[in-house]
Structures are given as structure tokens and as C-alpha cells.
């Protein structure tokens, strides 16, 4: 048996690889990311963040510091909440979107450089609501991925299918195409910085949840597709999150799937107790 230790300087974390004979077991990063969407006033955002920090410190503590919590508030709250957890090692700051252009006359847009100047560490890219309401294409999402990486932030790339596509049996090919057109232009070293979030659109905000079997099937297909381009080692290192009505009462079953590495949480992320309970579900 052999093992290797890698240190990610930016994230101040050690990663371990254990090699058993010709097989390889890789410890992927466990992640629970909260997408607050267009919710909360300044005071509500401060209160929620303080509650999450308090519960995290009391109940996760040093025992589950390997679980990374990412808070993704509306842009206007980024500076406000950052100061509330800057000394908490396992909580990170994320944004919900960036512009597809790096600067210029794009009224109302927020650039990657702006977010980076506020020490934002993660950016959600290609969420289904952005695709649906703002008609973002895979090509535009690819531009956003590049801009995010150029400013040393880490993309959380979202992919997912509608219920109609699933019923037709086209859902796997659809997801593969989203990934290919938005991510397969990256170098190996850049792709290693990407987190994938699979979000069945039919389960977002509907109360419906993919079964653990459905979640595992799609996550395994995503990992297989990544391996076809970047190799098995990189595929095995990639964190793939589930995002679709994940709650404390179903997170444990979903997170137990071998290819599910955490969750991109919507509604439950607005409740401090629920959010941390999900993080405790590994």
C-alpha cells in the first residue's frame, strides 16, 4: 500500500490518495453549498450567517472539518457576510453568477474581477434558472467558466434535465452535451478546479427529489463522461454535487451514493439548522 499527500496552497487543505495494488481510492472533497437565490434582506443575511457559523462551530467542529460549507448570497450581501465567517476554516464564500464579459458597458452586470476583489472563492455557473430565465447557452457558460478561473475563483458548474427530457430517455445525452460544450475546452489543470452540480430541473423547488438510485446513476454517468476526456484519475478526483430538493430527511441516503460528494442546496440553505444538518449527513 502507498499513499501520497498533496497540499492545495490556496485552500490550505491537504488531500490524500491511497493506492491499493493497481486500484486507487481517492478522497474527494465533501461540499455542501447554499444557493440563497434572490432572498433575504441585509439583516436576515447577517442573522442566517451568524447562526450557521455558531451551529457549525458547536456541532461540526473539528470532527467534520473535511466538509466544506459554501455560502452563496445575492451579490449585495457578499461583503456583509464575509466578515462574519472569515476566521472559520471550513466556510467559504460563493457568488451565484458572473457576467460573460470581463468589463465594459454592461449595466447591472457583475464581473469576475469585481467578485475576486471581494475574496469570493466559488462561483455558481450555469444554474438552471439562469439557463431558463436568461437563456444562457452552453457557449456563454463556457465563457463564464474561463473568466472565473482567470481570476483564481472556482466554478460550480450546474447541469440538469427537464422532466420531459427524462421521460423521453434523452437526459443522459443532454447532460453529457452540456458538460462537453461548456467544459471540455479546458486543460486538465483547469478542469481539476471545477466542481460539478447535477440538478434535475424537475426536482428544484418542487418538493420532488430524485431517488438515490437516480442520483447515483446520473453522477456515475457524469464521472464516466469526464473520464472519457480528462482520464479516470481526474474524474475520480472531481466533486459532483446533487442539487434538487435536498433536505435533512433525505441527504443521508443521497450522500451515501458512491458518486455523490455533497449538495447544492436551495430552500434548505435559508434555514441554518437544516443547512448544517445536511452537512452532518455524510
Protein backbone atom coordinates (compact mmCIF):
# COMPACT_ATOMS: atom_id res chain seq x y z
CA UNK A 1 0.00 0.00 0.00
CA UNK A 2 1.20 3.50 -0.85
CA UNK A 3 -0.22 6.92 -0.12
CA UNK A 4 0.52 10.41 -1.37
CA UNK A 5 -0.17 13.76 0.24
CA UNK A 6 -0.99 16.89 -1.77
CA UNK A 7 -1.30 20.39 -0.35
CA UNK A 8 -3.60 22.93 -2.00
CA UNK A 9 -1.98 26.23 -1.01
CA UNK A 10 -4.95 28.42 -1.99
CA UNK A 11 -7.42 26.43 0.09
CA UNK A 12 -4.98 25.47 2.87
CA UNK A 13 -6.06 21.84 2.72
CA UNK A 14 -4.30 18.51 2.47
CA UNK A 15 -5.61 15.85 0.08
CA UNK A 16 -4.72 12.18 0.40
CA UNK A 17 -4.55 9.47 -2.22
CA UNK A 18 -4.34 5.87 -1.13
CA UNK A 19 -3.14 3.25 -3.62
CA UNK A 20 -4.02 -0.38 -3.07
CA UNK A 21 -2.24 -2.66 -5.58
CA UNK A 22 -3.40 -1.49 -9.02
CA UNK A 23 -6.58 0.12 -7.73
CA UNK A 24 -6.81 3.67 -6.47
CA UNK A 25 -9.05 5.13 -3.78
CA UNK A 26 -9.30 8.90 -3.80
CA UNK A 27 -10.81 11.04 -1.07
CA UNK A 28 -12.87 13.68 -2.87
CA UNK A 29 -13.76 16.97 -1.23
CA UNK A 30 -17.14 16.84 0.53
CA UNK A 31 -19.11 20.02 -0.18
CA UNK A 32 -22.43 21.50 0.89
CA UNK A 33 -23.10 24.76 -0.96
CA UNK A 34 -26.04 27.02 -0.13
CA UNK A 35 -27.59 28.96 -3.01
CA UNK A 36 -29.67 31.69 -1.37
CA UNK A 37 -31.04 32.89 -4.73
CA UNK A 38 -32.95 36.23 -4.57
CA UNK A 39 -33.78 36.04 -0.89
CA UNK A 40 -33.04 37.81 2.41
CA UNK A 41 -32.57 41.39 3.49
CA UNK A 42 -29.24 42.59 4.88
CA UNK A 43 -30.35 41.89 8.45
CA UNK A 44 -31.71 38.44 7.55
CA UNK A 45 -28.49 37.55 5.74
CA UNK A 46 -26.41 38.56 8.76
CA UNK A 47 -28.63 36.57 11.10
CA UNK A 48 -28.57 33.44 8.94
CA UNK A 49 -24.80 33.57 8.53
CA UNK A 50 -24.20 34.05 12.26
CA UNK A 51 -26.49 31.13 13.06
CA UNK A 52 -24.73 28.85 10.56
CA UNK A 53 -21.31 29.81 11.96
CA UNK A 54 -22.47 29.16 15.52
CA UNK A 55 -24.05 25.78 14.81
CA UNK A 56 -21.10 24.80 12.61
CA UNK A 57 -18.58 25.58 15.34
CA UNK A 58 -20.63 23.81 18.03
CA UNK A 59 -21.68 20.71 16.10
CA UNK A 60 -19.29 20.14 13.21
CA UNK A 61 -16.22 21.45 14.98
CA UNK A 62 -13.02 19.56 14.29
CA UNK A 63 -14.82 16.26 13.69
CA UNK A 64 -16.20 17.24 10.28
CA UNK A 65 -13.84 19.97 9.16
CA UNK A 66 -13.39 17.90 5.99
CA UNK A 67 -16.90 19.05 4.96
CA UNK A 68 -16.67 22.37 3.14
CA UNK A 69 -19.60 24.76 3.53
CA UNK A 70 -20.04 27.37 0.79
CA UNK A 71 -22.44 30.29 1.27
CA UNK A 72 -23.68 31.90 -1.97
CA UNK A 73 -25.70 35.03 -1.13
CA UNK A 74 -27.03 37.68 -3.51
CA UNK A 75 -24.23 39.98 -4.70
CA UNK A 76 -25.31 42.82 -2.43
CA UNK A 77 -24.69 40.73 0.72
CA UNK A 78 -21.23 39.41 -0.16
CA UNK A 79 -19.23 41.98 1.77
CA UNK A 80 -21.63 41.90 4.73
CA UNK A 81 -21.49 38.17 5.38
CA UNK A 82 -17.81 37.63 4.54
CA UNK A 83 -16.74 39.36 7.75
CA UNK A 84 -18.92 37.03 9.83
CA UNK A 85 -17.04 33.83 8.98
CA UNK A 86 -13.60 34.96 7.82
CA UNK A 87 -11.91 33.08 10.68
CA UNK A 88 -13.97 29.89 10.24
CA UNK A 89 -11.79 27.44 8.35
CA UNK A 90 -14.44 25.27 6.68
CA UNK A 91 -16.82 28.02 5.47
CA UNK A 92 -16.22 29.65 2.09
CA UNK A 93 -17.79 32.49 0.11
CA UNK A 94 -19.51 31.93 -3.21
CA UNK A 95 -21.40 34.02 -5.76
CA UNK A 96 -24.47 32.99 -7.73
CA UNK A 97 -23.33 34.16 -11.16
CA UNK A 98 -20.90 36.37 -13.08
CA UNK A 99 -21.05 38.32 -16.33
CA UNK A 100 -19.84 36.66 -19.51
CA UNK A 101 -17.73 39.75 -20.33
CA UNK A 102 -14.77 40.89 -18.32
CA UNK A 103 -15.70 44.64 -18.17
CA UNK A 104 -17.42 47.44 -20.04
CA UNK A 105 -20.86 48.91 -20.77
CA UNK A 106 -22.98 46.08 -19.37
CA UNK A 107 -25.34 47.85 -16.99
CA UNK A 108 -26.32 45.77 -13.98
CA UNK A 109 -23.72 43.04 -14.53
CA UNK A 110 -21.03 41.92 -12.06
CA UNK A 111 -17.60 40.93 -13.38
CA UNK A 112 -15.25 38.19 -12.26
CA UNK A 113 -12.68 40.82 -11.33
CA UNK A 114 -15.17 42.57 -9.06
CA UNK A 115 -16.02 39.35 -7.25
CA UNK A 116 -12.37 38.41 -6.91
CA UNK A 117 -11.66 41.78 -5.28
CA UNK A 118 -14.09 40.77 -2.51
CA UNK A 119 -12.26 37.47 -1.96
CA UNK A 120 -15.08 35.39 -3.44
CA UNK A 121 -13.80 31.82 -3.73
CA UNK A 122 -16.54 29.98 -5.67
CA UNK A 123 -18.98 30.98 -8.41
CA UNK A 124 -22.13 29.09 -9.42
CA UNK A 125 -22.15 28.93 -13.22
CA UNK A 126 -24.99 27.76 -15.47
CA UNK A 127 -27.72 27.28 -12.87
CA UNK A 128 -30.94 26.05 -14.49
CA UNK A 129 -32.71 29.28 -13.57
CA UNK A 130 -30.06 31.27 -15.44
CA UNK A 131 -30.46 28.96 -18.43
CA UNK A 132 -34.27 29.18 -18.33
CA UNK A 133 -34.96 32.82 -17.45
CA UNK A 134 -31.91 34.46 -19.06
CA UNK A 135 -31.45 31.99 -21.93
CA UNK A 136 -27.80 31.30 -21.14
CA UNK A 137 -26.24 28.97 -23.68
CA UNK A 138 -23.52 26.39 -23.16
CA UNK A 139 -21.15 28.66 -25.08
CA UNK A 140 -21.89 31.65 -22.81
CA UNK A 141 -21.44 29.43 -19.78
CA UNK A 142 -18.05 28.32 -21.16
CA UNK A 143 -17.01 32.00 -21.28
CA UNK A 144 -18.08 32.43 -17.66
CA UNK A 145 -16.10 29.35 -16.65
CA UNK A 146 -12.98 30.82 -18.27
CA UNK A 147 -13.43 34.21 -16.60
CA UNK A 148 -13.98 32.59 -13.20
CA UNK A 149 -10.80 30.56 -13.50
CA UNK A 150 -8.82 33.55 -14.82
CA UNK A 151 -9.45 35.35 -11.51
CA UNK A 152 -8.46 32.32 -9.40
CA UNK A 153 -12.02 31.52 -8.36
CA UNK A 154 -13.50 28.03 -8.57
CA UNK A 155 -16.57 27.30 -10.71
CA UNK A 156 -19.53 25.24 -9.51
CA UNK A 157 -20.83 24.17 -12.91
CA UNK A 158 -24.52 23.23 -13.00
CA UNK A 159 -26.10 20.76 -15.38
CA UNK A 160 -29.53 19.19 -15.38
CA UNK A 161 -32.51 17.99 -17.40
CA UNK A 162 -36.22 18.73 -17.54
CA UNK A 163 -38.86 16.14 -16.74
CA UNK A 164 -39.78 16.00 -20.44
CA UNK A 165 -36.23 15.04 -21.41
CA UNK A 166 -36.11 12.38 -18.71
CA UNK A 167 -39.41 10.89 -19.83
CA UNK A 168 -38.09 10.70 -23.41
CA UNK A 169 -34.94 8.96 -22.18
CA UNK A 170 -32.66 11.68 -23.57
CA UNK A 171 -31.49 13.01 -20.22
CA UNK A 172 -28.06 11.37 -20.09
CA UNK A 173 -27.05 12.54 -23.57
CA UNK A 174 -28.38 16.02 -22.76
CA UNK A 175 -26.23 16.28 -19.64
CA UNK A 176 -23.18 14.98 -21.48
CA UNK A 177 -23.65 17.65 -24.13
CA UNK A 178 -23.92 20.42 -21.52
CA UNK A 179 -20.65 19.26 -19.98
CA UNK A 180 -18.85 18.81 -23.32
CA UNK A 181 -19.80 22.21 -24.73
CA UNK A 182 -19.07 24.14 -21.52
CA UNK A 183 -16.08 22.34 -20.00
CA UNK A 184 -14.24 20.13 -22.47
CA UNK A 185 -12.22 23.05 -23.86
CA UNK A 186 -10.37 23.27 -20.52
CA UNK A 187 -6.90 21.97 -19.86
CA UNK A 188 -6.54 19.15 -17.35
CA UNK A 189 -5.14 21.53 -14.75
CA UNK A 190 -8.06 23.95 -15.13
CA UNK A 191 -10.69 21.23 -15.13
CA UNK A 192 -9.33 19.93 -11.83
CA UNK A 193 -10.56 23.19 -10.24
CA UNK A 194 -14.18 22.66 -11.34
CA UNK A 195 -16.97 21.35 -9.10
CA UNK A 196 -19.94 19.78 -10.89
CA UNK A 197 -23.50 20.16 -9.60
CA UNK A 198 -26.14 17.88 -11.10
CA UNK A 199 -29.57 19.43 -10.64
CA UNK A 200 -32.59 17.63 -12.06
CA UNK A 201 -34.71 20.63 -13.03
CA UNK A 202 -37.91 18.72 -12.30
CA UNK A 203 -36.83 18.44 -8.64
CA UNK A 204 -35.81 22.07 -7.97
CA UNK A 205 -38.25 23.82 -5.68
CA UNK A 206 -40.95 21.24 -6.41
CA UNK A 207 -40.58 19.10 -3.31
CA UNK A 208 -39.77 16.17 -5.60
CA UNK A 209 -36.38 14.55 -5.20
CA UNK A 210 -34.51 12.17 -7.44
CA UNK A 211 -34.28 8.77 -5.81
CA UNK A 212 -30.87 7.77 -4.56
CA UNK A 213 -30.71 5.31 -7.47
CA UNK A 214 -31.49 8.07 -10.00
CA UNK A 215 -28.94 10.39 -8.41
CA UNK A 216 -26.24 7.71 -8.38
CA UNK A 217 -26.94 6.71 -11.97
CA UNK A 218 -26.51 10.26 -13.25
CA UNK A 219 -23.50 11.07 -11.10
CA UNK A 220 -21.80 7.88 -12.31
CA UNK A 221 -22.57 8.78 -15.93
CA UNK A 222 -21.14 12.27 -15.39
CA UNK A 223 -17.96 10.84 -13.88
CA UNK A 224 -17.64 8.37 -16.75
CA UNK A 225 -18.04 11.20 -19.27
CA UNK A 226 -15.37 13.27 -17.51
CA UNK A 227 -13.03 10.27 -17.63
CA UNK A 228 -13.54 9.95 -21.40
CA UNK A 229 -11.96 13.39 -21.85
CA UNK A 230 -9.66 14.01 -18.88
CA UNK A 231 -8.83 10.48 -17.71
CA UNK A 232 -10.00 8.34 -14.82
CA UNK A 233 -7.75 9.91 -12.20
CA UNK A 234 -9.13 13.41 -12.73
CA UNK A 235 -12.68 12.05 -12.95
CA UNK A 236 -12.20 10.28 -9.62
CA UNK A 237 -10.96 13.50 -8.02
CA UNK A 238 -13.88 15.64 -9.23
CA UNK A 239 -16.52 16.52 -6.64
CA UNK A 240 -20.02 16.06 -8.05
CA UNK A 241 -22.87 17.55 -6.02
CA UNK A 242 -26.58 16.76 -6.09
CA UNK A 243 -28.96 19.72 -6.30
CA UNK A 244 -32.67 19.08 -6.25
CA UNK A 245 -34.81 19.45 -3.10
CA UNK A 246 -32.08 18.03 -0.87
CA UNK A 247 -33.17 18.27 2.78
CA UNK A 248 -32.09 16.89 6.17
CA UNK A 249 -34.53 13.99 5.84
CA UNK A 250 -33.09 12.71 2.54
CA UNK A 251 -29.49 13.97 2.49
CA UNK A 252 -28.02 10.96 4.28
CA UNK A 253 -29.41 8.50 1.74
CA UNK A 254 -28.33 10.64 -1.22
CA UNK A 255 -24.85 11.36 0.18
CA UNK A 256 -24.33 7.64 0.79
CA UNK A 257 -24.24 7.09 -3.00
CA UNK A 258 -20.63 6.39 -4.04
CA UNK A 259 -20.52 9.10 -6.71
CA UNK A 260 -22.36 11.83 -4.77
CA UNK A 261 -19.97 14.18 -2.96
CA UNK A 262 -22.39 16.66 -1.43
CA UNK A 263 -25.17 19.01 -2.36
CA UNK A 264 -26.05 22.34 -3.92
CA UNK A 265 -28.82 23.37 -1.57
CA UNK A 266 -31.61 25.84 -2.32
CA UNK A 267 -34.55 26.28 0.06
CA UNK A 268 -32.97 24.38 2.94
CA UNK A 269 -29.94 26.69 2.79
CA UNK A 270 -32.15 29.51 4.10
CA UNK A 271 -32.63 27.66 7.40
CA UNK A 272 -29.47 27.49 9.47
CA UNK A 273 -30.41 24.29 11.29
CA UNK A 274 -31.41 22.46 8.09
CA UNK A 275 -28.26 23.57 6.27
CA UNK A 276 -25.89 22.32 8.95
CA UNK A 277 -27.89 19.11 9.45
CA UNK A 278 -27.39 18.40 5.75
CA UNK A 279 -23.65 18.94 6.23
CA UNK A 280 -23.74 16.42 9.07
CA UNK A 281 -25.29 13.79 6.77
CA UNK A 282 -22.03 12.39 5.40
